[in-house]
PDB file of N, CA and C in Angstrom:
ATOM      1  N   MET A   1     114.166  88.998  95.078  1.00  0.00           N
ATOM      2  CA  MET A   1     113.781  87.654  95.352  1.00  0.00           C
ATOM      3  C   MET A   1     112.845  87.904  96.660  1.00  0.00           C
ATOM      4  N   LYS A   2     111.691  87.097  96.753  1.00  0.00           N
ATOM      5  CA  LYS A   2     110.654  87.675  97.334  1.00  0.00           C
ATOM      6  C   LYS A   2     110.920  86.660  98.573  1.00  0.00           C
ATOM      7  N   LYS A   3     110.467  87.523  99.953  1.00  0.00           N
ATOM      8  CA  LYS A   3     110.142  86.772 101.074  1.00  0.00           C
ATOM      9  C   LYS A   3     108.728  87.502 101.690  1.00  0.00           C
ATOM     10  N   PHE A   4     108.320  86.229 102.698  1.00  0.00           N
ATOM     11  CA  PHE A   4     107.143  86.757 103.438  1.00  0.00           C
ATOM     12  C   PHE A   4     108.147  86.824 104.681  1.00  0.00           C
ATOM     13  N   THR A   5     106.680  88.410 105.220  1.00  0.00           N
ATOM     14  CA  THR A   5     106.651  89.153 105.792  1.00  0.00           C
ATOM     15  C   THR A   5     105.654  88.310 107.061  1.00  0.00           C
ATOM     16  N   PHE A   6     105.882  89.115 108.623  1.00  0.00           N
ATOM     17  CA  PHE A   6     105.069  88.639 109.752  1.00  0.00           C
ATOM     18  C   PHE A   6     104.353  90.175 109.991  1.00  0.00           C
ATOM     19  N   LYS A   7     103.048  89.548 110.763  1.00  0.00           N
ATOM     20  CA  LYS A   7     103.150  90.828 111.812  1.00  0.00           C
ATOM     21  C   LYS A   7     101.321  90.439 112.494  1.00  0.00           C
ATOM     22  N   THR A   8     101.898  90.428 113.929  1.00  0.00           N
ATOM     23  CA  THR A   8     101.204  89.405 114.153  1.00  0.00           C
ATOM     24  C   THR A   8     100.818  91.171 115.337  1.00  0.00           C
ATOM     25  N   GLU A   9      99.170  90.365 115.954  1.00  0.00           N
ATOM     26  CA  GLU A   9      98.346  91.279 116.058  1.00  0.00           C
ATOM     27  C   GLU A   9      98.110  90.796 117.626  1.00  0.00           C
ATOM     28  N   LYS A  10      98.172  91.752 118.690  1.00  0.00           N
ATOM     29  CA  LYS A  10      97.876  91.176 119.803  1.00  0.00           C
ATOM     30  C   LYS A  10      96.394  91.437 120.148  1.00  0.00           C
ATOM     31  N   PRO A  11      95.367  90.526 120.848  1.00  0.00           N
ATOM     32  CA  PRO A  11      94.014  91.117 121.659  1.00  0.00           C
ATOM     33  C   PRO A  11      93.930  92.057 122.375  1.00  0.00           C
ATOM     34  N   THR A  12      93.133  93.022 122.135  1.00  0.00           N
ATOM     35  CA  THR A  12      92.900  94.560 122.480  1.00  0.00           C
ATOM     36  C   THR A  12      91.329  94.449 123.318  1.00  0.00           C
ATOM     37  N   GLY A  13      91.274  94.692 124.307  1.00  0.00           N
ATOM     38  CA  GLY A  13      90.730  95.481 125.092  1.00  0.00           C
ATOM     39  C   GLY A  13      90.191  94.431 126.206  1.00  0.00           C
ATOM     40  N   LYS A  14      88.650  94.353 126.941  1.00  0.00           N
ATOM     41  CA  LYS A  14      88.472  94.145 128.362  1.00  0.00           C
ATOM     42  C   LYS A  14      88.706  92.777 128.437  1.00  0.00           C
ATOM     43  N   TRP A  15      88.852  91.731 127.431  1.00  0.00           N
ATOM     44  CA  TRP A  15      89.067  89.877 126.989  1.00  0.00           C
ATOM     45  C   TRP A  15      89.903  89.237 126.258  1.00  0.00           C
ATOM     46  N   ARG A  16      91.056  90.363 126.677  1.00  0.00           N
ATOM     47  CA  ARG A  16      92.255  89.977 125.790  1.00  0.00           C
ATOM     48  C   ARG A  16      92.965  88.533 126.403  1.00  0.00           C
ATOM     49  N   SER A  17      93.029  88.532 127.703  1.00  0.00           N
ATOM     50  CA  SER A  17      93.956  87.352 128.595  1.00  0.00           C
ATOM     51  C   SER A  17      92.996  86.442 128.306  1.00  0.00           C
ATOM     52  N   PHE A  18      92.053  86.011 127.454  1.00  0.00           N
ATOM     53  CA  PHE A  18      91.269  84.564 126.973  1.00  0.00           C
ATOM     54  C   PHE A  18      91.202  84.479 125.989  1.00  0.00           C
ATOM     55  N   HIS A  19      92.253  85.857 124.421  1.00  0.00           N
ATOM     56  CA  HIS A  19      92.038  85.044 123.548  1.00  0.00           C
ATOM     57  C   HIS A  19      93.858  85.756 122.852  1.00  0.00           C
ATOM     58  N   GLN A  20      94.117  84.455 122.187  1.00  0.00           N
ATOM     59  CA  GLN A  20      95.839  84.146 121.097  1.00  0.00           C
ATOM     60  C   GLN A  20      95.692  85.298 120.806  1.00  0.00           C
ATOM     61  N   PRO A  21      97.172  85.908 120.311  1.00  0.00           N
ATOM     62  CA  PRO A  21      97.585  86.512 119.083  1.00  0.00           C
ATOM     63  C   PRO A  21      97.251  85.776 118.173  1.00  0.00           C
ATOM     64  N   THR A  22      96.863  87.005 116.690  1.00  0.00           N
ATOM     65  CA  THR A  22      97.098  86.451 115.777  1.00  0.00           C
ATOM     66  C   THR A  22      98.197  86.890 114.667  1.00  0.00           C
ATOM     67  N   HIS A  23      99.151  86.017 114.175  1.00  0.00           N
ATOM     68  CA  HIS A  23     100.547  85.661 113.798  1.00  0.00           C
ATOM     69  C   HIS A  23      99.991  85.913 112.004  1.00  0.00           C
ATOM     70  N   TYR A  24      99.804  87.208 111.543  1.00  0.00           N
ATOM     71  CA  TYR A  24      99.748  87.146 109.657  1.00  0.00           C
ATOM     72  C   TYR A  24     100.572  86.823 108.831  1.00  0.00           C
ATOM     73  N   ILE A  25     100.396  85.887 107.443  1.00  0.00           N
ATOM     74  CA  ILE A  25     101.819  85.632 106.871  1.00  0.00           C
ATOM     75  C   ILE A  25     101.972  86.701 105.695  1.00  0.00           C
ATOM     76  N   LYS A  26     102.362  87.860 105.418  1.00  0.00           N
ATOM     77  CA  LYS A  26     101.947  88.699 104.255  1.00  0.00           C
ATOM     78  C   LYS A  26     103.082  88.620 102.807  1.00  0.00           C
ATOM     79  N   LEU A  27     102.048  88.685 101.942  1.00  0.00           N
ATOM     80  CA  LEU A  27     103.766  88.319 100.786  1.00  0.00           C
ATOM     81  C   LEU A  27     103.028  89.320  99.843  1.00  0.00           C
ATOM     82  N   GLY A  28     104.024  90.416  99.712  1.00  0.00           N
ATOM     83  CA  GLY A  28     103.516  91.739  99.166  1.00  0.00           C
ATOM     84  C   GLY A  28     102.640  92.776  99.785  1.00  0.00           C
ATOM     85  N   ARG A  29     103.261  93.126 101.060  1.00  0.00           N
ATOM     86  CA  ARG A  29     102.063  93.571 101.741  1.00  0.00           C
ATOM     87  C   ARG A  29     100.767  93.114 101.772  1.00  0.00           C
ATOM     88  N   GLU A  30     100.647  92.023 101.026  1.00  0.00           N
ATOM     89  CA  GLU A  30      99.215  91.932 101.968  1.00  0.00           C
ATOM     90  C   GLU A  30      99.130  90.353 102.096  1.00  0.00           C
ATOM     91  N   ILE A  31      97.932  90.033 103.255  1.00  0.00           N
ATOM     92  CA  ILE A  31      97.891  89.012 104.056  1.00  0.00           C
ATOM     93  C   ILE A  31      97.568  87.497 103.005  1.00  0.00           C
ATOM     94  N   CYS A  32      98.194  86.337 103.139  1.00  0.00           N
ATOM     95  CA  CYS A  32      97.950  85.419 102.302  1.00  0.00           C
ATOM     96  C   CYS A  32      98.083  83.759 103.536  1.00  0.00           C
ATOM     97  N   GLY A  33      98.011  83.987 104.441  1.00  0.00           N
ATOM     98  CA  GLY A  33      98.151  83.337 105.559  1.00  0.00           C
ATOM     99  C   GLY A  33      98.371  83.698 106.826  1.00  0.00           C
ATOM    100  N   HIS A  34      98.315  82.570 107.989  1.00  0.00           N
ATOM    101  CA  HIS A  34      98.269  82.473 109.307  1.00  0.00           C
ATOM    102  C   HIS A  34      98.684  81.573 109.868  1.00  0.00           C
ATOM    103  N   ILE A  35      99.614  81.857 111.079  1.00  0.00           N
ATOM    104  CA  ILE A  35     100.256  80.609 111.680  1.00  0.00           C
ATOM    105  C   ILE A  35      99.408  80.763 113.036  1.00  0.00           C
ATOM    106  N   ASP A  36      99.174  79.549 113.414  1.00  0.00           N
ATOM    107  CA  ASP A  36      98.310  79.154 114.298  1.00  0.00           C
ATOM    108  C   ASP A  36      99.041  79.296 115.680  1.00  0.00           C
ATOM    109  N   PRO A  37      99.073  80.097 116.402  1.00  0.00           N
ATOM    110  CA  PRO A  37      99.703  80.408 117.791  1.00  0.00           C
ATOM    111  C   PRO A  37     100.021  79.663 118.832  1.00  0.00           C
ATOM    112  N   GLU A  38      99.006  78.135 118.498  1.00  0.00           N
ATOM    113  CA  GLU A  38      99.243  77.440 119.713  1.00  0.00           C
ATOM    114  C   GLU A  38     100.516  76.197 119.120  1.00  0.00           C
ATOM    115  N   ASN A  39      99.810  75.522 118.092  1.00  0.00           N
ATOM    116  CA  ASN A  39     101.243  74.487 117.939  1.00  0.00           C
ATOM    117  C   ASN A  39     102.104  74.578 116.171  1.00  0.00           C
ATOM    118  N   PHE A  40     101.547  76.385 116.154  1.00  0.00           N
ATOM    119  CA  PHE A  40     102.581  76.791 114.918  1.00  0.00           C
ATOM    120  C   PHE A  40     102.340  75.686 113.833  1.00  0.00           C
ATOM    121  N   THR A  41     101.076  75.807 113.187  1.00  0.00           N
ATOM    122  CA  THR A  41     100.947  75.322 112.074  1.00  0.00           C
ATOM    123  C   THR A  41     100.807  76.490 110.875  1.00  0.00           C
ATOM    124  N   ILE A  42     101.205  76.037 109.748  1.00  0.00           N
ATOM    125  CA  ILE A  42     100.973  77.164 108.665  1.00  0.00           C
ATOM    126  C   ILE A  42      99.900  76.870 107.837  1.00  0.00           C
ATOM    127  N   SER A  43      98.953  78.309 107.834  1.00  0.00           N
ATOM    128  CA  SER A  43      97.452  77.485 107.196  1.00  0.00           C
ATOM    129  C   SER A  43      98.041  78.975 105.864  1.00  0.00           C
ATOM    130  N   LEU A  44      97.475  78.702 104.665  1.00  0.00           N
ATOM    131  CA  LEU A  44      98.127  79.507 103.695  1.00  0.00           C
ATOM    132  C   LEU A  44      97.235  79.551 102.233  1.00  0.00           C
ATOM    133  N   MET A  45      96.561  80.878 102.249  1.00  0.00           N
ATOM    134  CA  MET A  45      94.961  81.365 100.864  1.00  0.00           C
ATOM    135  C   MET A  45      95.490  80.948  99.708  1.00  0.00           C
ATOM    136  N   ILE A  46      95.129  80.037  98.707  1.00  0.00           N
ATOM    137  CA  ILE A  46      95.454  79.518  97.495  1.00  0.00           C
ATOM    138  C   ILE A  46      94.290  79.367  96.689  1.00  0.00           C
ATOM    139  N   ILE A  47      94.424  79.968  95.362  1.00  0.00           N
ATOM    140  CA  ILE A  47      93.525  80.060  94.258  1.00  0.00           C
ATOM    141  C   ILE A  47      93.217  78.631  93.859  1.00  0.00           C
ATOM    142  N   LYS A  48      91.895  78.193  93.337  1.00  0.00           N
ATOM    143  CA  LYS A  48      91.873  76.550  92.963  1.00  0.00           C
ATOM    144  C   LYS A  48      91.634  76.924  91.931  1.00  0.00           C
ATOM    145  N   ASN A  49      92.057  75.527  91.497  1.00  0.00           N
ATOM    146  CA  ASN A  49      92.301  75.321  90.349  1.00  0.00           C
ATOM    147  C   ASN A  49      90.906  74.791  89.503  1.00  0.00           C
ATOM    148  N   ASP A  50      89.981  74.557  90.068  1.00  0.00           N
ATOM    149  CA  ASP A  50      89.067  74.557  89.403  1.00  0.00           C
ATOM    150  C   ASP A  50      87.795  75.704  90.887  1.00  0.00           C
ATOM    151  N   ILE A  51      86.872  76.072  90.250  1.00  0.00           N
ATOM    152  CA  ILE A  51      86.258  76.853  90.976  1.00  0.00           C
ATOM    153  C   ILE A  51      84.780  75.736  91.939  1.00  0.00           C
ATOM    154  N   ASN A  52      84.571  75.171  91.955  1.00  0.00           N
ATOM    155  CA  ASN A  52      83.835  73.324  92.166  1.00  0.00           C
ATOM    156  C   ASN A  52      84.726  72.272  92.970  1.00  0.00           C
ATOM    157  N   GLU A  53      86.338  73.337  93.074  1.00  0.00           N
ATOM    158  CA  GLU A  53      86.789  72.073  93.745  1.00  0.00           C
ATOM    159  C   GLU A  53      86.387  71.676  94.904  1.00  0.00           C
ATOM    160  N   ASP A  54      85.700  72.967  95.579  1.00  0.00           N
ATOM    161  CA  ASP A  54      85.323  72.066  97.183  1.00  0.00           C
ATOM    162  C   ASP A  54      84.177  72.869  97.566  1.00  0.00           C
ATOM    163  N   SER A  55      83.533  72.459  96.427  1.00  0.00           N
ATOM    164  CA  SER A  55      81.370  72.402  96.647  1.00  0.00           C
ATOM    165  C   SER A  55      81.353  74.183  96.680  1.00  0.00           C
ATOM    166  N   ASN A  56      81.457  74.791  96.922  1.00  0.00           N
ATOM    167  CA  ASN A  56      81.776  75.687  96.841  1.00  0.00           C
ATOM    168  C   ASN A  56      82.001  77.369  96.019  1.00  0.00           C
ATOM    169  N   PRO A  57      81.163  77.609  95.223  1.00  0.00           N
ATOM    170  CA  PRO A  57      81.232  78.298  93.741  1.00  0.00           C
ATOM    171  C   PRO A  57      81.072  79.967  94.023  1.00  0.00           C
ATOM    172  N   ASN A  58      81.055  79.815  94.867  1.00  0.00           N
ATOM    173  CA  ASN A  58      81.440  81.292  95.920  1.00  0.00           C
ATOM    174  C   ASN A  58      82.555  82.157  96.207  1.00  0.00           C
ATOM    175  N   CYS A  59      83.142  81.104  96.209  1.00  0.00           N
ATOM    176  CA  CYS A  59      84.658  81.321  96.264  1.00  0.00           C
ATOM    177  C   CYS A  59      85.997  80.895  95.830  1.00  0.00           C
ATOM    178  N   SER A  60      86.609  81.839  95.188  1.00  0.00           N
ATOM    179  CA  SER A  60      87.398  81.384  94.068  1.00  0.00           C
ATOM    180  C   SER A  60      89.110  81.078  94.649  1.00  0.00           C
ATOM    181  N   TRP A  61      88.587  81.388  96.071  1.00  0.00           N
ATOM    182  CA  TRP A  61      90.243  80.591  96.839  1.00  0.00           C
ATOM    183  C   TRP A  61      89.758  79.919  98.061  1.00  0.00           C
ATOM    184  N   LYS A  62      90.746  78.591  99.010  1.00  0.00           N
ATOM    185  CA  LYS A  62      91.111  78.067  99.522  1.00  0.00           C
ATOM    186  C   LYS A  62      92.226  78.198 100.562  1.00  0.00           C
ATOM    187  N   TRP A  63      91.552  78.049 101.531  1.00  0.00           N
ATOM    188  CA  TRP A  63      92.489  77.181 103.137  1.00  0.00           C
ATOM    189  C   TRP A  63      93.283  75.951 102.882  1.00  0.00           C
ATOM    190  N   ILE A  64      94.385  75.819 103.148  1.00  0.00           N
ATOM    191  CA  ILE A  64      95.392  74.765 102.909  1.00  0.00           C
ATOM    192  C   ILE A  64      96.814  74.786 104.128  1.00  0.00           C
ATOM    193  N   ARG A  65      96.735  74.065 104.131  1.00  0.00           N
ATOM    194  CA  ARG A  65      97.085  73.577 105.877  1.00  0.00           C
ATOM    195  C   ARG A  65      99.002  72.747 105.357  1.00  0.00           C
ATOM    196  N   LEU A  66     100.481  73.365 105.909  1.00  0.00           N
ATOM    197  CA  LEU A  66     100.934  72.006 105.531  1.00  0.00           C
ATOM    198  C   LEU A  66     101.354  71.360 106.593  1.00  0.00           C
ATOM    199  N   LYS A  67     102.060  70.328 106.398  1.00  0.00           N
ATOM    200  CA  LYS A  67     101.958  69.290 107.209  1.00  0.00           C
ATOM    201  C   LYS A  67     103.282  70.171 107.834  1.00  0.00           C
ATOM    202  N   LYS A  68     103.593  70.615 107.997  1.00  0.00           N
ATOM    203  CA  LYS A  68     105.460  71.200 108.711  1.00  0.00           C
ATOM    204  C   LYS A  68     104.121  71.532 110.046  1.00  0.00           C
ATOM    205  N   GLU A  69     105.091  70.975 111.463  1.00  0.00           N
ATOM    206  CA  GLU A  69     104.875  71.503 112.418  1.00  0.00           C
ATOM    207  C   GLU A  69     105.774  71.743 113.105  1.00  0.00           C
ATOM    208  N   SER A  70     105.573  73.400 114.082  1.00  0.00           N
ATOM    209  CA  SER A  70     106.807  73.801 114.312  1.00  0.00           C
ATOM    210  C   SER A  70     107.003  73.862 116.161  1.00  0.00           C
ATOM    211  N   LYS A  71     108.291  74.165 116.322  1.00  0.00           N
ATOM    212  CA  LYS A  71     108.280  74.150 117.677  1.00  0.00           C
ATOM    213  C   LYS A  71     107.866  75.254 118.500  1.00  0.00           C
ATOM    214  N   THR A  72     108.307  76.403 117.539  1.00  0.00           N
ATOM    215  CA  THR A  72     108.265  77.894 118.064  1.00  0.00           C
ATOM    216  C   THR A  72     107.696  78.608 116.722  1.00  0.00           C
ATOM    217  N   LEU A  73     107.584  80.038 116.953  1.00  0.00           N
ATOM    218  CA  LEU A  73     106.631  81.121 115.805  1.00  0.00           C
ATOM    219  C   LEU A  73     108.407  81.071 115.110  1.00  0.00           C
ATOM    220  N   GLN A  74     109.564  81.439 115.234  1.00  0.00           N
ATOM    221  CA  GLN A  74     110.377  81.560 114.401  1.00  0.00           C
ATOM    222  C   GLN A  74     111.003  80.325 113.621  1.00  0.00           C
ATOM    223  N   GLU A  75     110.569  79.425 114.142  1.00  0.00           N
ATOM    224  CA  GLU A  75     110.995  78.261 113.156  1.00  0.00           C
ATOM    225  C   GLU A  75     110.000  78.192 112.600  1.00  0.00           C
ATOM    226  N   ALA A  76     108.685  78.596 112.283  1.00  0.00           N
ATOM    227  CA  ALA A  76     107.661  78.376 111.118  1.00  0.00           C
ATOM    228  C   ALA A  76     107.846  79.076 110.069  1.00  0.00           C
ATOM    229  N   LYS A  77     108.417  81.297 110.568  1.00  0.00           N
ATOM    230  CA  LYS A  77     108.555  81.414 109.593  1.00  0.00           C
ATOM    231  C   LYS A  77     110.218  81.022 109.136  1.00  0.00           C
ATOM    232  N   ASP A  78     111.032  80.568 109.794  1.00  0.00           N
ATOM    233  CA  ASP A  78     112.535  80.735 108.925  1.00  0.00           C
ATOM    234  C   ASP A  78     112.070  79.257 107.644  1.00  0.00           C
ATOM    235  N   PHE A  79     110.924  78.485 108.218  1.00  0.00           N
ATOM    236  CA  PHE A  79     110.526  77.580 107.045  1.00  0.00           C
ATOM    237  C   PHE A  79     109.830  78.422 106.438  1.00  0.00           C
ATOM    238  N   LEU A  80     109.063  78.488 106.516  1.00  0.00           N
ATOM    239  CA  LEU A  80     108.119  79.857 105.345  1.00  0.00           C
ATOM    240  C   LEU A  80     109.276  80.158 103.869  1.00  0.00           C
ATOM    241  N   ASN A  81     110.538  81.359 104.862  1.00  0.00           N
ATOM    242  CA  ASN A  81     111.308  81.925 103.823  1.00  0.00           C
ATOM    243  C   ASN A  81     112.022  81.309 103.041  1.00  0.00           C
ATOM    244  N   GLU A  82     112.423  79.513 103.397  1.00  0.00           N
ATOM    245  CA  GLU A  82     113.464  78.770 103.559  1.00  0.00           C
ATOM    246  C   GLU A  82     112.461  78.338 102.114  1.00  0.00           C
ATOM    247  N   ASN A  83     111.385  77.646 102.448  1.00  0.00           N
ATOM    248  CA  ASN A  83     111.047  76.648 101.150  1.00  0.00           C
ATOM    249  C   ASN A  83     110.012  77.985 100.459  1.00  0.00           C
ATOM    250  N   ILE A  84     110.727  79.578  99.945  1.00  0.00           N
ATOM    251  CA  ILE A  84     109.428  80.707  99.649  1.00  0.00           C
ATOM    252  C   ILE A  84     109.134  79.593  98.243  1.00  0.00           C
ATOM    253  N   GLU A  85     110.591  79.063  97.648  1.00  0.00           N
ATOM    254  CA  GLU A  85     110.517  79.502  95.513  1.00  0.00           C
ATOM    255  C   GLU A  85     109.630  77.715  95.778  1.00  0.00           C
ATOM    256  N   VAL A  86     109.997  77.267  96.622  1.00  0.00           N
ATOM    257  CA  VAL A  86     108.468  75.853  95.955  1.00  0.00           C
ATOM    258  C   VAL A  86     107.442  76.121  96.548  1.00  0.00           C
ATOM    259  N   LEU A  87     107.148  76.553  97.419  1.00  0.00           N
ATOM    260  CA  LEU A  87     105.406  77.186  97.951  1.00  0.00           C
ATOM    261  C   LEU A  87     104.839  77.990  96.736  1.00  0.00           C
ATOM    262  N   LEU A  88     105.728  79.177  96.584  1.00  0.00           N
ATOM    263  CA  LEU A  88     105.578  79.907  95.092  1.00  0.00           C
ATOM    264  C   LEU A  88     105.206  79.420  93.997  1.00  0.00           C
ATOM    265  N   SER A  89     105.740  77.910  93.629  1.00  0.00           N
ATOM    266  CA  SER A  89     106.159  77.300  92.538  1.00  0.00           C
ATOM    267  C   SER A  89     104.638  76.366  92.922  1.00  0.00           C
ATOM    268  N   LYS A  90     104.600  75.447  94.005  1.00  0.00           N
ATOM    269  CA  LYS A  90     103.383  74.725  93.653  1.00  0.00           C
ATOM    270  C   LYS A  90     102.267  75.050  93.427  1.00  0.00           C
ATOM    271  N   TYR A  91     101.660  76.017  94.675  1.00  0.00           N
ATOM    272  CA  TYR A  91     100.899  76.658  94.591  1.00  0.00           C
ATOM    273  C   TYR A  91     100.641  78.177  94.343  1.00  0.00           C
ATOM    274  N   ASN A  92      99.215  78.601  93.891  1.00  0.00           N
ATOM    275  CA  ASN A  92      98.866  79.951  93.408  1.00  0.00           C
ATOM    276  C   ASN A  92      98.404  80.543  94.282  1.00  0.00           C
ATOM    277  N   ILE A  93      99.274  81.613  95.198  1.00  0.00           N
ATOM    278  CA  ILE A  93      98.660  82.117  95.939  1.00  0.00           C
ATOM    279  C   ILE A  93      97.679  83.119  96.376  1.00  0.00           C
ATOM    280  N   HIS A  94      96.790  83.346  96.750  1.00  0.00           N
ATOM    281  CA  HIS A  94      95.807  84.530  97.046  1.00  0.00           C
ATOM    282  C   HIS A  94      96.587  85.635  98.086  1.00  0.00           C
ATOM    283  N   LYS A  95      96.814  87.175  97.344  1.00  0.00           N
ATOM    284  CA  LYS A  95      96.115  87.635  98.537  1.00  0.00           C
ATOM    285  C   LYS A  95      95.383  88.209  99.305  1.00  0.00           C
ATOM    286  N   HIS A  96      95.016  89.223 100.227  1.00  0.00           N
ATOM    287  CA  HIS A  96      93.831  89.279 100.526  1.00  0.00           C
ATOM    288  C   HIS A  96      94.198  90.304 101.122  1.00  0.00           C
ATOM    289  N   ARG A  97      93.464  91.689 100.763  1.00  0.00           N
ATOM    290  CA  ARG A  97      93.615  93.130 100.884  1.00  0.00           C
ATOM    291  C   ARG A  97      93.378  93.539 102.532  1.00  0.00           C
ATOM    292  N   ASN A  98      94.337  94.459 102.959  1.00  0.00           N
ATOM    293  CA  ASN A  98      93.662  94.494 104.639  1.00  0.00           C
ATOM    294  C   ASN A  98      93.588  95.552 104.563  1.00  0.00           C
TER     295      ASN A  98
END
């Protein structure tokens, strides 16, 4: 059974206090989305059904944002892993090599 995994990258450098951490969603060791650090909304990269679907023929995938808003980061992670079968059957997820 497949599971989503997660990676958090904290900002570094001189101005790190002004930036939020980035929470990546991974599927098979490749990035396929992220979780917003402020309101914990989930964004996934999916492959378009039609290349001209969003007036951008230069890219074969697009971002989608799920309606689910979580109260915590852990709640968003649990939601993704509980609904992985539904998400994989409904969307053709694009995986980006890091």
